[in-house]
Amino acid sequence: MIFIPLLMLMILFSVLAVHFKDLIYSVIFLASSSLTLALLFFVLQAPDIAITEAAVNAGLVTLIYMIVIRKTRRLEE
């Protein structure tokens, strides 16, 4: 029963990640989408994949994105 709301929340976070021009907001929404996907895996009774998704994609990849964004210069329009 919780599968459909989590799926809709993941889609919403993904659309918001593409919509925002500020890269920091996009990375935050991408991490939120990844955490929601980890919850979906947990609901589908795949806790090992859920833990891997949360640790690698939501944690490590988000950290790498943030470091790269901080090292680049911003061009204000």
Protein backbone atom coordinates (compact mmCIF):
# COMPACT_ATOMS: atom_id res chain seq x y z
CA MET A 1 0.00 0.00 0.00
CA ILE A 2 2.90 2.36 0.61
CA PHE A 3 4.52 1.46 -2.72
CA ILE A 4 2.52 3.90 -4.87
CA PRO A 5 3.05 7.00 -2.65
CA LEU A 6 6.79 6.30 -2.44
CA LEU A 7 6.94 5.88 -6.20
CA MET A 8 5.12 9.17 -6.75
CA LEU A 9 7.43 10.90 -4.25
CA MET A 10 10.47 9.55 -6.07
CA ILE A 11 9.13 10.82 -9.39
CA LEU A 12 8.44 14.23 -7.83
CA PHE A 13 11.98 14.47 -6.45
CA SER A 14 13.41 13.46 -9.83
CA VAL A 15 11.39 16.09 -11.68
CA LEU A 16 12.41 18.75 -9.16
CA ALA A 17 16.08 17.75 -9.58
CA VAL A 18 15.82 18.42 -13.30
CA HIS A 19 13.72 21.57 -12.89
CA PHE A 20 15.96 23.66 -10.62
CA LYS A 21 18.79 25.67 -12.19
CA ASP A 22 20.82 25.82 -8.98
CA LEU A 23 23.01 22.74 -8.91
CA ILE A 24 23.03 22.43 -5.12
CA TYR A 25 19.23 22.10 -5.06
CA SER A 26 19.38 19.60 -7.89
CA VAL A 27 21.89 17.45 -6.02
CA ILE A 28 19.76 17.59 -2.86
CA PHE A 29 16.67 16.47 -4.75
CA LEU A 30 18.67 13.77 -6.52
CA ALA A 31 19.82 12.46 -3.14
CA SER A 32 16.22 12.57 -1.91
CA SER A 33 15.15 10.60 -4.94
CA SER A 34 17.85 8.05 -4.22
CA LEU A 35 16.79 7.71 -0.59
CA THR A 36 13.21 7.20 -1.70
CA LEU A 37 14.40 4.50 -4.09
CA ALA A 38 16.22 2.85 -1.17
CA LEU A 39 12.96 2.89 0.78
CA LEU A 40 11.21 1.31 -2.19
CA PHE A 41 13.78 -1.47 -2.26
CA PHE A 42 13.25 -2.00 1.46
CA VAL A 43 9.46 -2.21 0.93
CA LEU A 44 10.08 -4.77 -1.81
CA GLN A 45 12.00 -6.85 0.75
CA ALA A 46 15.47 -6.27 -0.67
CA PRO A 47 17.27 -4.74 2.32
CA ASP A 48 20.76 -5.44 1.01
CA ILE A 49 20.11 -3.47 -2.17
CA ALA A 50 18.38 -0.74 -0.14
CA ILE A 51 21.42 -0.31 2.11
CA THR A 52 23.74 -0.25 -0.89
CA GLU A 53 21.57 2.31 -2.68
CA ALA A 54 21.42 4.54 0.38
CA ALA A 55 25.14 4.32 1.12
CA VAL A 56 26.58 4.58 -2.37
CA ASN A 57 24.15 6.65 -4.39
CA ALA A 58 22.60 8.84 -1.71
CA GLY A 59 25.74 9.17 0.35
CA LEU A 60 28.94 8.83 -1.63
CA VAL A 61 27.79 10.09 -5.02
CA THR A 62 26.05 13.08 -3.43
CA LEU A 63 29.23 13.92 -1.55
CA ILE A 64 31.27 13.74 -4.76
CA TYR A 65 28.76 15.97 -6.57
CA MET A 66 28.91 18.54 -3.77
CA ILE A 67 32.72 18.59 -3.78
CA VAL A 68 32.82 19.06 -7.55
CA ILE A 69 30.20 21.83 -7.47
CA ARG A 70 32.10 23.66 -4.73
CA LYS A 71 35.34 23.49 -6.74
CA THR A 72 33.82 25.04 -9.85
CA ARG A 73 33.15 28.73 -10.36
CA ARG A 74 29.60 30.01 -10.67
CA LEU A 75 28.63 32.16 -13.60
CA GLU A 76 25.79 34.42 -12.54
CA GLU A 77 23.52 35.48 -15.36
